[in-house]
Protein backbone atom coordinates (compact mmCIF):
# COMPACT_ATOMS: atom_id res chain seq x y z
CA MET A 1 -62.84 160.38 -29.84
CA LEU A 2 -66.25 161.31 -31.25
CA TRP A 3 -64.54 163.28 -34.04
CA LEU A 4 -62.44 160.24 -34.96
CA ILE A 5 -65.51 158.00 -35.16
CA LEU A 6 -67.39 160.63 -37.19
CA ALA A 7 -64.43 161.07 -39.58
CA VAL A 8 -64.20 157.30 -40.13
CA LEU A 9 -67.95 157.03 -40.79
CA ILE A 10 -67.93 159.95 -43.25
CA GLY A 11 -64.85 158.56 -45.00
CA GLY A 12 -66.44 155.11 -45.28
CA MET A 13 -69.69 156.55 -46.64
CA GLY A 14 -67.74 158.60 -49.21
CA ALA A 15 -65.80 155.55 -50.36
CA ALA A 16 -68.99 153.48 -50.63
CA TRP A 17 -70.71 156.26 -52.60
CA GLY A 18 -67.72 156.47 -54.97
CA LEU A 19 -67.76 152.71 -55.56
CA ALA A 20 -71.50 152.71 -56.14
CA GLY A 21 -71.06 155.48 -58.70
CA ALA A 22 -68.34 153.52 -60.47
CA ARG A 23 -70.57 150.46 -60.72
CA THR A 24 -73.46 152.39 -62.29
CA ALA A 25 -71.32 154.23 -64.84
CA THR A 26 -72.26 153.26 -68.40
CA PRO A 27 -69.46 151.29 -70.07
CA GLU A 28 -68.20 152.45 -73.43
CA ARG A 29 -70.40 151.01 -76.16
CA LEU A 30 -68.78 148.38 -78.37
CA GLU A 31 -68.59 149.00 -82.09
CA LEU A 32 -68.61 146.01 -84.41
CA GLU A 33 -65.73 145.69 -86.87
CA PRO A 34 -67.05 146.71 -90.31
CA ASN A 35 -64.51 144.53 -92.17
CA ALA A 36 -65.33 141.29 -90.31
CA VAL A 37 -66.38 138.34 -92.45
CA VAL A 38 -68.77 135.68 -91.13
CA GLY A 39 -67.31 132.18 -90.93
CA ALA A 40 -63.91 130.51 -90.44
CA VAL A 41 -60.74 131.61 -92.22
CA PRO A 42 -60.51 129.75 -95.56
CA GLY A 43 -57.95 126.97 -95.78
CA GLN A 44 -57.95 126.14 -92.06
CA ASP A 45 -59.20 122.70 -91.16
CA PRO A 46 -61.12 122.64 -87.85
CA ALA A 47 -59.51 119.27 -86.98
CA GLU A 48 -56.01 120.71 -87.56
CA ARG A 49 -56.88 123.73 -85.44
CA GLN A 50 -58.13 121.44 -82.65
CA ALA A 51 -54.96 119.31 -82.84
CA GLU A 52 -52.78 122.43 -82.57
CA LEU A 53 -54.78 123.63 -79.58
CA GLU A 54 -54.31 120.24 -77.91
CA ARG A 55 -50.54 120.41 -78.54
CA VAL A 56 -50.38 123.86 -76.91
CA VAL A 57 -52.39 122.69 -73.90
CA GLU A 58 -50.26 119.54 -73.51
CA ALA A 59 -47.03 121.57 -73.66
CA GLY A 60 -48.29 123.68 -70.77
CA MET A 61 -49.33 120.73 -68.60
CA LEU A 62 -47.05 119.14 -66.04
CA THR A 63 -47.72 115.81 -64.36
CA ILE A 64 -46.06 115.63 -60.95
CA SER A 65 -45.48 112.50 -58.91
CA ILE A 66 -43.83 112.33 -55.47
CA ASN A 67 -44.36 110.45 -52.22
CA ALA A 68 -46.62 112.73 -50.14
CA THR A 69 -45.18 111.31 -46.91
CA PRO A 70 -41.54 110.38 -47.56
CA CYS A 71 -39.56 109.01 -44.63
CA GLY A 72 -36.11 107.80 -43.76
CA LYS A 73 -33.69 107.41 -40.90
CA ALA A 74 -31.37 110.21 -39.76
CA GLY A 75 -28.20 109.96 -41.81
CA GLY A 76 -29.87 107.59 -44.30
CA ARG A 77 -31.92 107.50 -47.48
CA VAL A 78 -35.44 108.88 -47.88
CA ASN A 79 -38.07 107.15 -50.06
CA TRP A 80 -38.86 110.18 -52.28
CA LEU A 81 -40.50 108.21 -55.14
CA ILE A 82 -40.16 111.13 -57.57
CA GLU A 83 -41.27 110.15 -61.07
CA ASN A 84 -41.20 111.74 -64.50
CA PRO A 85 -43.89 109.72 -66.33
CA ALA A 86 -42.96 108.25 -69.73
CA ASN A 87 -45.70 110.24 -71.48
CA GLN A 88 -44.58 113.59 -69.99
CA GLY A 89 -42.54 114.68 -73.02
CA LYS A 90 -40.25 117.00 -71.03
CA TYR A 91 -37.43 116.96 -68.52
CA ILE A 92 -38.21 117.71 -64.90
CA ARG A 93 -36.11 118.44 -61.85
CA VAL A 94 -37.33 118.71 -58.26
CA GLU A 95 -36.30 120.81 -55.26
CA VAL A 96 -37.67 120.04 -51.79
CA GLN A 97 -37.59 122.91 -49.28
CA ARG A 98 -38.62 123.16 -45.65
CA GLN A 99 -41.63 125.45 -45.27
CA ASP A 100 -40.53 126.85 -41.90
CA THR A 101 -36.97 127.87 -42.85
CA GLY A 102 -36.86 127.74 -46.66
CA GLU A 103 -33.82 125.45 -46.36
CA LEU A 104 -33.17 123.26 -49.39
CA VAL A 105 -33.54 119.66 -48.19
CA TYR A 106 -33.09 117.75 -51.46
CA LYS A 107 -32.80 118.36 -55.18
CA THR A 108 -32.65 116.07 -58.17
CA GLY A 109 -30.79 116.42 -61.40
CA ALA A 110 -32.82 116.46 -64.61
CA LEU A 111 -35.05 113.41 -65.00
CA LYS A 112 -35.83 112.14 -68.50
CA PRO A 113 -39.40 111.00 -69.22
CA GLY A 114 -39.87 107.42 -68.00
CA THR A 115 -37.39 107.69 -65.09
CA TYR A 116 -37.74 108.03 -61.33
CA VAL A 117 -35.81 108.45 -58.09
CA GLU A 118 -36.85 105.78 -55.63
CA ALA A 119 -34.70 106.85 -52.66
CA ALA A 120 -31.79 109.16 -51.95
CA GLU A 121 -30.10 110.86 -49.03
CA PRO A 122 -31.24 114.42 -48.26
CA ASP A 123 -28.76 117.16 -49.24
CA THR A 124 -28.82 118.48 -45.68
CA GLU A 125 -28.60 116.74 -42.34
CA LEU A 126 -31.92 116.68 -40.49
CA ALA A 127 -32.68 115.74 -36.90
CA ALA A 128 -35.39 113.19 -36.19
CA GLY A 129 -38.86 114.74 -36.58
CA GLU A 130 -41.54 115.76 -39.06
CA TYR A 131 -40.95 118.54 -41.57
CA ALA A 132 -43.57 120.32 -43.65
CA CYS A 133 -41.96 120.76 -47.07
CA THR A 134 -42.77 122.02 -50.54
CA ALA A 135 -41.60 120.05 -53.57
CA MET A 136 -41.12 122.35 -56.58
CA PHE A 137 -41.19 120.61 -59.96
CA TYR A 138 -39.45 122.52 -62.78
CA SER A 139 -40.05 121.47 -66.40
CA TYR A 140 -37.83 121.91 -69.47
CA GLU A 141 -38.16 121.29 -73.22
CA LEU A 142 -36.55 118.01 -74.33
CA GLU A 143 -34.78 119.39 -77.40
CA SER A 144 -33.68 122.84 -76.25
CA GLU A 145 -33.67 122.26 -72.46
CA GLU A 146 -35.46 125.63 -72.25
CA TYR A 147 -37.36 126.27 -69.01
CA ILE A 148 -41.14 125.84 -69.42
CA GLY A 149 -42.72 126.27 -66.00
CA LYS A 150 -43.20 124.85 -62.52
CA ALA A 151 -45.69 123.21 -60.19
CA ALA A 152 -45.63 122.53 -56.46
CA ALA A 153 -46.76 119.87 -54.01
CA GLU A 154 -46.85 120.00 -50.23
CA ILE A 155 -45.32 116.97 -48.54
CA THR A 156 -44.56 115.87 -44.98
CA LEU A 157 -41.03 114.51 -44.56
CA THR A 158 -40.46 112.24 -41.56
CA ILE A 159 -36.95 111.57 -40.31
CA GLN A 160 -36.72 108.73 -37.79
CA PRO A 161 -33.90 108.42 -35.23
CA GLU A 162 -30.81 106.44 -36.27
CA GLU A 163 -30.66 102.79 -35.25
CA GLY A 164 -29.42 102.57 -31.66
CA ALA A 165 -29.85 106.32 -31.01
CA GLY A 166 -31.01 107.10 -27.51
CA GLU A 167 -30.66 103.51 -26.27
């Protein structure tokens, strides 16, 4: 047992010494580009460059909107309140999955900007109870319908017993 403890201590000290050595190593010295010219590239307007940067950032952004606590009755509709805001500029579709089983609970078709799903029945039958779910939002280009990216939101789905159940 003493040998095992000693071996672990020596190994740990060796690893720490190696890391310390790596941190103190001198990085390779940078050499400046001899052909570099000071200033901005001629013919490029800073305002145009800023506008292009803003277009790129906006294309990569995704606004997501869903009811964080949707609920409904067993066998009935759920108030999802999934929205694709009018200013989004891209299609979205949403898939809601249970976190404990990965089971797909609900999915939308493609939503155009300025549309929403107020309520819909789940795609799978669920017993009364609370379900921790993840809503995955997938975005697509309007013109080409090419996939852009995704974002996620955690939600808690509550299914209430059917009317008259258990009475």
